[in-house]
Structures are given as structure tokens and as C-alpha cells.
N, C-alpha and C. Protein backbone atom coordinates (compact mmCIF):
# COMPACT_ATOMS: atom_id res chain seq x y z
N MET A 1 -19.70 1.73 -28.64
CA MET A 1 -20.95 1.92 -27.91
C MET A 1 -20.70 2.98 -26.84
N GLU A 2 -21.55 3.96 -26.80
CA GLU A 2 -21.42 5.03 -25.81
C GLU A 2 -22.37 4.83 -24.65
N GLU A 3 -23.58 4.37 -24.93
CA GLU A 3 -24.58 4.24 -23.88
C GLU A 3 -25.57 3.15 -24.26
N MET A 4 -26.06 2.46 -23.26
CA MET A 4 -27.11 1.47 -23.47
C MET A 4 -28.36 2.01 -22.80
N LYS A 5 -29.35 2.37 -23.60
CA LYS A 5 -30.59 2.92 -23.06
C LYS A 5 -31.41 1.81 -22.42
N MET A 6 -31.96 2.10 -21.24
CA MET A 6 -32.80 1.13 -20.55
C MET A 6 -34.25 1.50 -20.78
N GLU A 7 -34.83 0.87 -21.77
CA GLU A 7 -36.23 1.11 -22.09
C GLU A 7 -37.04 -0.11 -21.69
N LYS A 8 -38.34 0.05 -21.68
CA LYS A 8 -39.22 -1.01 -21.20
C LYS A 8 -38.97 -2.34 -21.92
N LEU A 9 -38.77 -2.30 -23.21
CA LEU A 9 -38.52 -3.52 -23.97
C LEU A 9 -37.26 -4.22 -23.46
N LEU A 10 -36.20 -3.46 -23.25
CA LEU A 10 -34.95 -4.01 -22.77
C LEU A 10 -35.07 -4.52 -21.34
N ILE A 11 -35.74 -3.77 -20.50
CA ILE A 11 -35.88 -4.13 -19.10
C ILE A 11 -36.65 -5.44 -18.95
N ASN A 12 -37.64 -5.65 -19.78
CA ASN A 12 -38.44 -6.86 -19.69
C ASN A 12 -37.79 -8.07 -20.35
N ALA A 13 -36.66 -7.87 -21.03
CA ALA A 13 -35.98 -8.98 -21.69
C ALA A 13 -35.41 -9.93 -20.64
N SER A 14 -35.72 -11.19 -20.76
CA SER A 14 -35.30 -12.16 -19.75
C SER A 14 -33.85 -12.59 -19.90
N CYS A 15 -33.20 -12.27 -21.01
CA CYS A 15 -31.83 -12.72 -21.22
C CYS A 15 -30.87 -12.19 -20.16
N HIS A 16 -31.14 -11.03 -19.62
CA HIS A 16 -30.26 -10.47 -18.59
C HIS A 16 -30.25 -11.32 -17.33
N HIS A 17 -31.34 -12.00 -17.04
CA HIS A 17 -31.41 -12.80 -15.83
C HIS A 17 -30.48 -14.01 -15.87
N THR A 18 -30.06 -14.41 -17.05
CA THR A 18 -29.18 -15.57 -17.16
C THR A 18 -27.71 -15.19 -17.17
N LEU A 19 -27.40 -13.92 -17.25
CA LEU A 19 -26.00 -13.49 -17.28
C LEU A 19 -25.32 -13.77 -15.95
N SER A 20 -24.22 -14.50 -15.99
CA SER A 20 -23.44 -14.71 -14.77
C SER A 20 -22.06 -14.08 -14.91
N THR A 21 -21.60 -13.88 -16.14
CA THR A 21 -20.31 -13.27 -16.40
C THR A 21 -20.46 -12.19 -17.47
N VAL A 22 -19.87 -11.04 -17.20
CA VAL A 22 -19.83 -9.95 -18.18
C VAL A 22 -18.39 -9.48 -18.28
N GLU A 23 -17.89 -9.44 -19.51
CA GLU A 23 -16.54 -8.94 -19.77
C GLU A 23 -16.64 -7.84 -20.83
N ILE A 24 -16.11 -6.68 -20.50
CA ILE A 24 -16.12 -5.53 -21.40
C ILE A 24 -14.67 -5.09 -21.60
N TYR A 25 -14.24 -5.04 -22.85
CA TYR A 25 -12.87 -4.64 -23.17
C TYR A 25 -12.87 -3.50 -24.17
N GLU A 26 -12.09 -2.49 -23.91
CA GLU A 26 -11.81 -1.40 -24.84
C GLU A 26 -13.05 -0.76 -25.46
N CYS A 27 -14.01 -0.45 -24.65
CA CYS A 27 -15.17 0.34 -25.09
C CYS A 27 -14.89 1.78 -24.69
N ASP A 28 -14.22 2.49 -25.57
CA ASP A 28 -13.67 3.81 -25.24
C ASP A 28 -14.70 4.88 -24.96
N LYS A 29 -15.95 4.70 -25.39
CA LYS A 29 -16.96 5.73 -25.18
C LYS A 29 -17.93 5.40 -24.05
N LEU A 30 -17.89 4.21 -23.54
CA LEU A 30 -18.82 3.77 -22.50
C LEU A 30 -18.52 4.48 -21.18
N LYS A 31 -19.53 5.12 -20.59
CA LYS A 31 -19.34 5.88 -19.35
C LYS A 31 -19.84 5.17 -18.11
N ASP A 32 -20.77 4.23 -18.28
CA ASP A 32 -21.27 3.49 -17.12
C ASP A 32 -21.81 2.14 -17.58
N MET A 33 -22.14 1.32 -16.61
CA MET A 33 -22.65 -0.04 -16.88
C MET A 33 -23.96 -0.25 -16.13
N SER A 34 -24.78 0.78 -16.06
CA SER A 34 -26.01 0.73 -15.26
C SER A 34 -26.95 -0.40 -15.66
N TRP A 35 -26.88 -0.84 -16.89
CA TRP A 35 -27.74 -1.94 -17.34
C TRP A 35 -27.46 -3.23 -16.56
N LEU A 36 -26.33 -3.31 -15.87
CA LEU A 36 -26.01 -4.50 -15.07
C LEU A 36 -27.03 -4.76 -13.97
N ILE A 37 -27.80 -3.74 -13.61
CA ILE A 37 -28.84 -3.92 -12.60
C ILE A 37 -29.87 -4.93 -13.08
N LEU A 38 -29.93 -5.14 -14.38
CA LEU A 38 -30.88 -6.09 -14.96
C LEU A 38 -30.33 -7.52 -14.95
N ALA A 39 -29.13 -7.70 -14.40
CA ALA A 39 -28.49 -9.02 -14.35
C ALA A 39 -28.35 -9.45 -12.89
N PRO A 40 -29.43 -9.91 -12.26
CA PRO A 40 -29.39 -10.23 -10.83
C PRO A 40 -28.53 -11.44 -10.49
N ASN A 41 -28.16 -12.25 -11.48
CA ASN A 41 -27.34 -13.43 -11.23
C ASN A 41 -25.88 -13.23 -11.60
N LEU A 42 -25.48 -11.98 -11.79
CA LEU A 42 -24.11 -11.67 -12.16
C LEU A 42 -23.15 -12.11 -11.06
N ARG A 43 -22.16 -12.91 -11.43
CA ARG A 43 -21.15 -13.39 -10.48
C ARG A 43 -19.76 -12.83 -10.78
N ASN A 44 -19.45 -12.68 -12.04
CA ASN A 44 -18.12 -12.22 -12.45
C ASN A 44 -18.25 -11.01 -13.37
N LEU A 45 -17.50 -9.98 -13.05
CA LEU A 45 -17.53 -8.75 -13.83
C LEU A 45 -16.10 -8.33 -14.13
N LYS A 46 -15.78 -8.20 -15.40
CA LYS A 46 -14.45 -7.76 -15.81
C LYS A 46 -14.61 -6.59 -16.77
N ILE A 47 -14.03 -5.46 -16.39
CA ILE A 47 -14.07 -4.27 -17.25
C ILE A 47 -12.63 -3.79 -17.40
N TYR A 48 -12.16 -3.74 -18.64
CA TYR A 48 -10.79 -3.39 -18.94
C TYR A 48 -10.72 -2.30 -20.00
N LEU A 49 -9.79 -1.38 -19.83
CA LEU A 49 -9.42 -0.43 -20.87
C LEU A 49 -10.59 0.35 -21.46
N CYS A 50 -11.42 0.89 -20.60
CA CYS A 50 -12.54 1.74 -21.03
C CYS A 50 -12.23 3.16 -20.56
N ASP A 51 -11.65 3.94 -21.44
CA ASP A 51 -11.08 5.24 -21.08
C ASP A 51 -12.07 6.24 -20.51
N LYS A 52 -13.34 6.15 -20.89
CA LYS A 52 -14.32 7.14 -20.43
C LYS A 52 -15.23 6.63 -19.31
N MET A 53 -15.02 5.40 -18.86
CA MET A 53 -15.85 4.82 -17.80
C MET A 53 -15.71 5.66 -16.52
N GLU A 54 -16.83 6.23 -16.05
CA GLU A 54 -16.82 7.08 -14.87
C GLU A 54 -17.43 6.40 -13.65
N GLU A 55 -18.40 5.54 -13.89
CA GLU A 55 -19.06 4.84 -12.79
C GLU A 55 -19.63 3.53 -13.31
N ILE A 56 -19.77 2.57 -12.41
CA ILE A 56 -20.33 1.30 -12.84
C ILE A 56 -21.86 1.42 -12.84
N LEU A 57 -22.45 1.75 -11.71
CA LEU A 57 -23.90 1.95 -11.64
C LEU A 57 -24.18 3.43 -11.39
N ASN A 58 -24.96 4.04 -12.28
CA ASN A 58 -25.31 5.45 -12.20
C ASN A 58 -26.65 5.60 -11.49
N GLU A 59 -26.67 6.36 -10.41
CA GLU A 59 -27.88 6.52 -9.60
C GLU A 59 -29.06 7.06 -10.42
N GLY A 60 -28.81 8.03 -11.26
CA GLY A 60 -29.87 8.62 -12.07
C GLY A 60 -30.48 7.62 -13.05
N LYS A 61 -29.64 6.85 -13.70
CA LYS A 61 -30.14 5.86 -14.66
C LYS A 61 -30.88 4.73 -13.96
N LEU A 62 -30.43 4.36 -12.78
CA LEU A 62 -31.15 3.32 -12.04
C LEU A 62 -32.52 3.81 -11.61
N GLY A 63 -32.63 5.11 -11.36
CA GLY A 63 -33.93 5.68 -11.02
C GLY A 63 -34.93 5.53 -12.15
N GLU A 64 -34.44 5.58 -13.39
CA GLU A 64 -35.32 5.40 -14.55
C GLU A 64 -35.91 4.00 -14.57
N VAL A 65 -35.15 3.03 -14.12
CA VAL A 65 -35.58 1.63 -14.14
C VAL A 65 -36.54 1.33 -12.99
N ALA A 66 -36.40 2.05 -11.89
CA ALA A 66 -37.17 1.76 -10.68
C ALA A 66 -38.67 1.74 -10.92
N GLY A 67 -39.16 2.63 -11.75
CA GLY A 67 -40.59 2.69 -12.02
C GLY A 67 -41.13 1.48 -12.76
N VAL A 68 -40.28 0.78 -13.47
CA VAL A 68 -40.72 -0.36 -14.26
C VAL A 68 -40.55 -1.68 -13.51
N ILE A 69 -39.42 -1.85 -12.82
CA ILE A 69 -39.17 -3.14 -12.16
C ILE A 69 -39.22 -3.06 -10.64
N GLY A 70 -39.62 -1.92 -10.11
CA GLY A 70 -39.61 -1.76 -8.66
C GLY A 70 -38.25 -1.22 -8.23
N ASN A 71 -38.01 -1.15 -6.94
CA ASN A 71 -36.76 -0.62 -6.42
C ASN A 71 -35.62 -1.59 -6.69
N PRO A 72 -34.71 -1.25 -7.62
CA PRO A 72 -33.64 -2.17 -7.98
C PRO A 72 -32.44 -2.13 -7.04
N TYR A 73 -32.39 -1.15 -6.17
CA TYR A 73 -31.15 -0.92 -5.44
C TYR A 73 -30.82 -2.00 -4.41
N ALA A 74 -31.81 -2.60 -3.79
CA ALA A 74 -31.56 -3.52 -2.69
C ALA A 74 -30.74 -4.74 -3.09
N LYS A 75 -30.89 -5.21 -4.30
CA LYS A 75 -30.21 -6.43 -4.72
C LYS A 75 -29.07 -6.18 -5.71
N SER A 76 -28.59 -4.96 -5.79
CA SER A 76 -27.50 -4.65 -6.70
C SER A 76 -26.27 -5.49 -6.37
N PHE A 77 -25.81 -6.24 -7.33
CA PHE A 77 -24.61 -7.06 -7.19
C PHE A 77 -24.68 -8.06 -6.05
N PHE A 78 -25.87 -8.51 -5.71
CA PHE A 78 -26.06 -9.40 -4.56
C PHE A 78 -25.30 -10.72 -4.70
N LYS A 79 -25.17 -11.23 -5.92
CA LYS A 79 -24.48 -12.50 -6.14
C LYS A 79 -23.06 -12.33 -6.68
N LEU A 80 -22.62 -11.09 -6.79
CA LEU A 80 -21.30 -10.82 -7.35
C LEU A 80 -20.20 -11.45 -6.51
N GLU A 81 -19.30 -12.18 -7.18
CA GLU A 81 -18.18 -12.84 -6.51
C GLU A 81 -16.85 -12.18 -6.83
N THR A 82 -16.66 -11.81 -8.10
CA THR A 82 -15.36 -11.33 -8.53
C THR A 82 -15.48 -10.16 -9.50
N PRO A 83 -15.38 -8.93 -9.02
CA PRO A 83 -15.26 -7.80 -9.94
C PRO A 83 -13.78 -7.49 -10.21
N CYS A 84 -13.43 -7.33 -11.48
CA CYS A 84 -12.08 -6.96 -11.90
C CYS A 84 -12.18 -5.68 -12.71
N LEU A 85 -11.56 -4.64 -12.23
CA LEU A 85 -11.62 -3.33 -12.88
C LEU A 85 -10.19 -2.88 -13.17
N PHE A 86 -9.81 -2.88 -14.44
CA PHE A 86 -8.43 -2.58 -14.82
C PHE A 86 -8.37 -1.47 -15.86
N TRP A 87 -7.46 -0.54 -15.66
CA TRP A 87 -7.17 0.53 -16.60
C TRP A 87 -8.42 1.33 -16.96
N LEU A 88 -9.05 1.83 -15.93
CA LEU A 88 -10.23 2.70 -16.10
C LEU A 88 -9.86 4.06 -15.49
N PRO A 89 -9.16 4.91 -16.24
CA PRO A 89 -8.57 6.12 -15.67
C PRO A 89 -9.57 7.14 -15.13
N LYS A 90 -10.83 7.11 -15.58
CA LYS A 90 -11.82 8.08 -15.11
C LYS A 90 -12.83 7.49 -14.13
N LEU A 91 -12.68 6.23 -13.79
CA LEU A 91 -13.64 5.58 -12.89
C LEU A 91 -13.58 6.21 -11.50
N LYS A 92 -14.71 6.76 -11.06
CA LYS A 92 -14.79 7.39 -9.74
C LYS A 92 -15.68 6.61 -8.79
N SER A 93 -16.58 5.79 -9.32
CA SER A 93 -17.57 5.15 -8.46
C SER A 93 -18.01 3.80 -9.02
N ILE A 94 -18.16 2.85 -8.11
CA ILE A 94 -18.79 1.58 -8.46
C ILE A 94 -20.28 1.72 -8.16
N TYR A 95 -20.58 2.26 -7.02
CA TYR A 95 -21.95 2.46 -6.54
C TYR A 95 -21.87 3.59 -5.52
N TRP A 96 -22.87 4.42 -5.41
CA TRP A 96 -22.81 5.63 -4.59
C TRP A 96 -23.00 5.37 -3.09
N ASP A 97 -23.35 4.17 -2.71
CA ASP A 97 -23.61 3.85 -1.31
C ASP A 97 -22.98 2.49 -1.00
N VAL A 98 -23.01 2.09 0.26
CA VAL A 98 -22.49 0.75 0.61
C VAL A 98 -23.50 -0.31 0.19
N LEU A 99 -22.98 -1.48 -0.13
CA LEU A 99 -23.80 -2.62 -0.52
C LEU A 99 -23.40 -3.83 0.31
N LEU A 100 -24.34 -4.73 0.49
CA LEU A 100 -24.01 -6.01 1.09
C LEU A 100 -23.58 -6.93 -0.04
N PHE A 101 -22.47 -7.58 0.12
CA PHE A 101 -21.95 -8.51 -0.88
C PHE A 101 -21.78 -9.88 -0.23
N PRO A 102 -22.84 -10.63 -0.04
CA PRO A 102 -22.71 -11.91 0.67
C PRO A 102 -21.87 -12.94 -0.06
N CYS A 103 -21.67 -12.79 -1.36
CA CYS A 103 -20.94 -13.78 -2.15
C CYS A 103 -19.55 -13.31 -2.57
N LEU A 104 -19.20 -12.08 -2.26
CA LEU A 104 -17.95 -11.49 -2.73
C LEU A 104 -16.74 -12.27 -2.23
N LYS A 105 -15.83 -12.61 -3.18
CA LYS A 105 -14.62 -13.37 -2.84
C LYS A 105 -13.35 -12.59 -3.14
N LEU A 106 -13.34 -11.91 -4.28
CA LEU A 106 -12.13 -11.25 -4.73
C LEU A 106 -12.48 -9.98 -5.49
N ILE A 107 -11.82 -8.89 -5.13
CA ILE A 107 -11.93 -7.63 -5.87
C ILE A 107 -10.54 -7.33 -6.42
N ARG A 108 -10.47 -7.09 -7.72
CA ARG A 108 -9.20 -6.72 -8.35
C ARG A 108 -9.35 -5.32 -8.95
N ILE A 109 -8.49 -4.42 -8.51
CA ILE A 109 -8.50 -3.04 -9.00
C ILE A 109 -7.09 -2.72 -9.46
N ASN A 110 -6.95 -2.24 -10.69
CA ASN A 110 -5.62 -1.87 -11.17
C ASN A 110 -5.75 -0.69 -12.12
N ALA A 111 -4.95 0.32 -11.89
CA ALA A 111 -4.90 1.52 -12.74
C ALA A 111 -6.26 2.22 -12.81
N CYS A 112 -6.90 2.35 -11.66
CA CYS A 112 -8.15 3.11 -11.51
C CYS A 112 -7.89 4.20 -10.48
N ARG A 113 -7.05 5.15 -10.83
CA ARG A 113 -6.56 6.16 -9.88
C ARG A 113 -7.64 7.03 -9.27
N GLU A 114 -8.73 7.26 -9.99
CA GLU A 114 -9.80 8.13 -9.50
C GLU A 114 -10.77 7.41 -8.57
N LEU A 115 -10.70 6.10 -8.49
CA LEU A 115 -11.61 5.33 -7.64
C LEU A 115 -11.13 5.43 -6.19
N LYS A 116 -11.85 6.20 -5.39
CA LYS A 116 -11.44 6.45 -4.01
C LYS A 116 -12.31 5.75 -2.98
N LYS A 117 -13.50 5.31 -3.39
CA LYS A 117 -14.41 4.66 -2.44
C LYS A 117 -14.87 3.32 -2.99
N LEU A 118 -14.93 2.36 -2.10
CA LEU A 118 -15.48 1.05 -2.44
C LEU A 118 -16.82 0.92 -1.73
N PRO A 119 -17.82 0.35 -2.37
CA PRO A 119 -19.16 0.28 -1.76
C PRO A 119 -19.28 -0.87 -0.77
N LEU A 120 -18.31 -0.99 0.11
CA LEU A 120 -18.24 -2.13 1.02
C LEU A 120 -18.82 -1.81 2.38
N HIS A 121 -19.57 -2.72 2.90
CA HIS A 121 -20.12 -2.66 4.25
C HIS A 121 -19.21 -3.51 5.13
N SER A 122 -18.98 -3.10 6.36
CA SER A 122 -18.05 -3.84 7.22
C SER A 122 -18.46 -5.30 7.40
N ASP A 123 -19.75 -5.61 7.27
CA ASP A 123 -20.20 -7.01 7.38
C ASP A 123 -19.62 -7.88 6.26
N SER A 124 -19.27 -7.28 5.14
CA SER A 124 -18.70 -8.05 4.03
C SER A 124 -17.31 -8.59 4.37
N ALA A 125 -16.68 -8.04 5.39
CA ALA A 125 -15.33 -8.47 5.77
C ALA A 125 -15.34 -9.60 6.79
N LYS A 126 -16.48 -9.92 7.33
CA LYS A 126 -16.54 -10.93 8.39
C LYS A 126 -16.01 -12.27 7.90
N GLY A 127 -15.16 -12.86 8.72
CA GLY A 127 -14.59 -14.15 8.39
C GLY A 127 -13.40 -14.06 7.44
N ASN A 128 -13.03 -12.84 7.05
CA ASN A 128 -11.90 -12.62 6.14
C ASN A 128 -11.93 -13.53 4.92
N GLN A 129 -13.09 -13.74 4.34
CA GLN A 129 -13.23 -14.56 3.13
C GLN A 129 -12.91 -13.75 1.88
N LEU A 130 -12.84 -12.44 2.01
CA LEU A 130 -12.65 -11.55 0.87
C LEU A 130 -11.18 -11.19 0.69
N SER A 131 -10.74 -11.15 -0.56
CA SER A 131 -9.42 -10.63 -0.91
C SER A 131 -9.60 -9.42 -1.81
N ILE A 132 -8.83 -8.38 -1.53
CA ILE A 132 -8.83 -7.18 -2.37
C ILE A 132 -7.42 -7.02 -2.90
N GLU A 133 -7.28 -7.00 -4.22
CA GLU A 133 -5.97 -6.86 -4.85
C GLU A 133 -5.89 -5.52 -5.57
N GLY A 134 -4.79 -4.82 -5.34
CA GLY A 134 -4.56 -3.54 -5.98
C GLY A 134 -3.17 -3.04 -5.64
N SER A 135 -2.82 -1.87 -6.14
CA SER A 135 -1.51 -1.31 -5.83
C SER A 135 -1.53 -0.66 -4.45
N LYS A 136 -0.37 -0.62 -3.81
CA LYS A 136 -0.25 0.04 -2.51
C LYS A 136 -0.62 1.51 -2.61
N ASP A 137 -0.21 2.14 -3.69
CA ASP A 137 -0.51 3.57 -3.88
C ASP A 137 -2.01 3.81 -3.94
N TRP A 138 -2.72 2.97 -4.69
CA TRP A 138 -4.18 3.11 -4.77
C TRP A 138 -4.81 2.87 -3.40
N TRP A 139 -4.42 1.81 -2.73
CA TRP A 139 -4.99 1.45 -1.43
C TRP A 139 -4.84 2.59 -0.43
N ALA A 140 -3.71 3.29 -0.49
CA ALA A 140 -3.47 4.40 0.44
C ALA A 140 -4.43 5.56 0.22
N THR A 141 -5.03 5.65 -0.97
CA THR A 141 -5.94 6.76 -1.27
C THR A 141 -7.41 6.41 -1.06
N VAL A 142 -7.71 5.15 -0.77
CA VAL A 142 -9.10 4.74 -0.59
C VAL A 142 -9.68 5.44 0.64
N GLU A 143 -10.88 6.01 0.47
CA GLU A 143 -11.58 6.69 1.56
C GLU A 143 -12.64 5.74 2.11
N TRP A 144 -12.69 5.61 3.43
CA TRP A 144 -13.60 4.67 4.08
C TRP A 144 -14.71 5.40 4.81
N GLU A 145 -15.82 4.72 4.97
CA GLU A 145 -16.97 5.25 5.70
C GLU A 145 -16.56 5.65 7.12
N ASN A 146 -15.73 4.81 7.72
CA ASN A 146 -15.22 5.08 9.06
C ASN A 146 -13.98 4.22 9.29
N GLU A 147 -13.30 4.46 10.40
CA GLU A 147 -12.08 3.71 10.71
C GLU A 147 -12.33 2.22 10.91
N ALA A 148 -13.46 1.89 11.50
CA ALA A 148 -13.79 0.48 11.75
C ALA A 148 -13.91 -0.29 10.44
N THR A 149 -14.50 0.33 9.43
CA THR A 149 -14.63 -0.33 8.13
C THR A 149 -13.25 -0.50 7.50
N ARG A 150 -12.43 0.53 7.56
CA ARG A 150 -11.07 0.42 7.03
C ARG A 150 -10.31 -0.71 7.72
N ASP A 151 -10.38 -0.74 9.04
CA ASP A 151 -9.68 -1.77 9.81
C ASP A 151 -10.20 -3.17 9.50
N ALA A 152 -11.49 -3.27 9.21
CA ALA A 152 -12.09 -4.58 8.90
C ALA A 152 -11.55 -5.13 7.58
N PHE A 153 -11.26 -4.25 6.62
CA PHE A 153 -10.80 -4.70 5.31
C PHE A 153 -9.29 -4.71 5.15
N LEU A 154 -8.57 -4.13 6.07
CA LEU A 154 -7.11 -4.10 5.97
C LEU A 154 -6.50 -5.49 5.81
N PRO A 155 -6.92 -6.51 6.57
CA PRO A 155 -6.34 -7.85 6.38
C PRO A 155 -6.70 -8.48 5.03
N SER A 156 -7.70 -7.96 4.36
CA SER A 156 -8.14 -8.50 3.07
C SER A 156 -7.28 -8.02 1.90
N PHE A 157 -6.51 -6.95 2.13
CA PHE A 157 -5.76 -6.34 1.03
C PHE A 157 -4.47 -7.07 0.72
N LYS A 158 -4.23 -7.24 -0.59
CA LYS A 158 -2.99 -7.82 -1.08
C LYS A 158 -2.43 -6.89 -2.15
N SER A 159 -1.23 -6.41 -1.94
CA SER A 159 -0.59 -5.52 -2.90
C SER A 159 -0.12 -6.31 -4.13
N VAL A 160 -0.46 -5.79 -5.30
CA VAL A 160 0.00 -6.39 -6.55
C VAL A 160 0.63 -5.29 -7.40
N PRO A 161 1.62 -5.64 -8.21
CA PRO A 161 2.26 -4.62 -9.05
C PRO A 161 1.30 -4.09 -10.11
N THR A 162 1.48 -2.82 -10.47
CA THR A 162 0.63 -2.23 -11.50
C THR A 162 1.19 -2.47 -12.87
């Protein structure tokens, strides 16, 4: 599968509302997962070994959906608890802006060398309920909105071997 087109028929399908876990393995042609915007109850996301994956949510594709379901951006990944992104060599973006993740518990990133920004808001770090797992080398390359945001998430990071 290379792309999932978001057409009116698909957007109106209620099955996406029941999705709480999505696991994608070895989809070598898949470049993004923008259809996940149609899964407002998504809690667990695992994407592994997708060589062409460049971004999780594509701003342009989400704009196509906005006219049908209203502005989808405000609730993107609102219930997400555990995203796991492994061996995605071309992944550059999860989301182009910061998001509030009130339910986020654990982020696992491994072998995603091109991923330099996390869509995290400093409020997501309050109470240190969040754990971020990844390699030290990757963590050193992460670019933050500002120093305060970086400092807020520093205690959340746990180095794991690649």
C-alpha cells in the first residue's frame, strides 16, 4: 500500500472511531499515516520498518479532510498514550506543530535518524508522567521549540540501546 486516499465515503465511515490501536509493519511504500486523523480514540500507535515513511500526519492531506469533517487539527492524537516508531529511516515529522497530549505516557523512538522535532508542548511534561525512550545519539539531535521545553522533557528521557 502506498497511499490511503481520504474521500468522503472513507471519512464518513464510523469504523475509524472505534480504533484504539494501530500497528503497521513493513509497508515499504507508505509515506504517511494521515488517515489516523479519522481515529479520535487512538491510544496506541506502532509503526515499524516502513522505509518510505516521511511523516505521520501530512498537513496538506489533513487540509483535504477539513472541509468535510471540520477543523481536524485541534484533537489530533488527543487520546494517544503510546506511540512507538521504529526503523523509519526517512521519518522527518510526526506533526508540523506542537500538540497537547493529555494522555501521553510513553514515546518510543528507535532508528528514526531524520526525526529531529517532537510535537510536544511543555505542558505535556507536567508532573513527569511521560517517558521518552530512544538512543542517546538521537536525543542529542532533537530540536526544541525553546530551552524551557527541552529542560521540561529532559527528566522524561531514558536511553535505550538501538
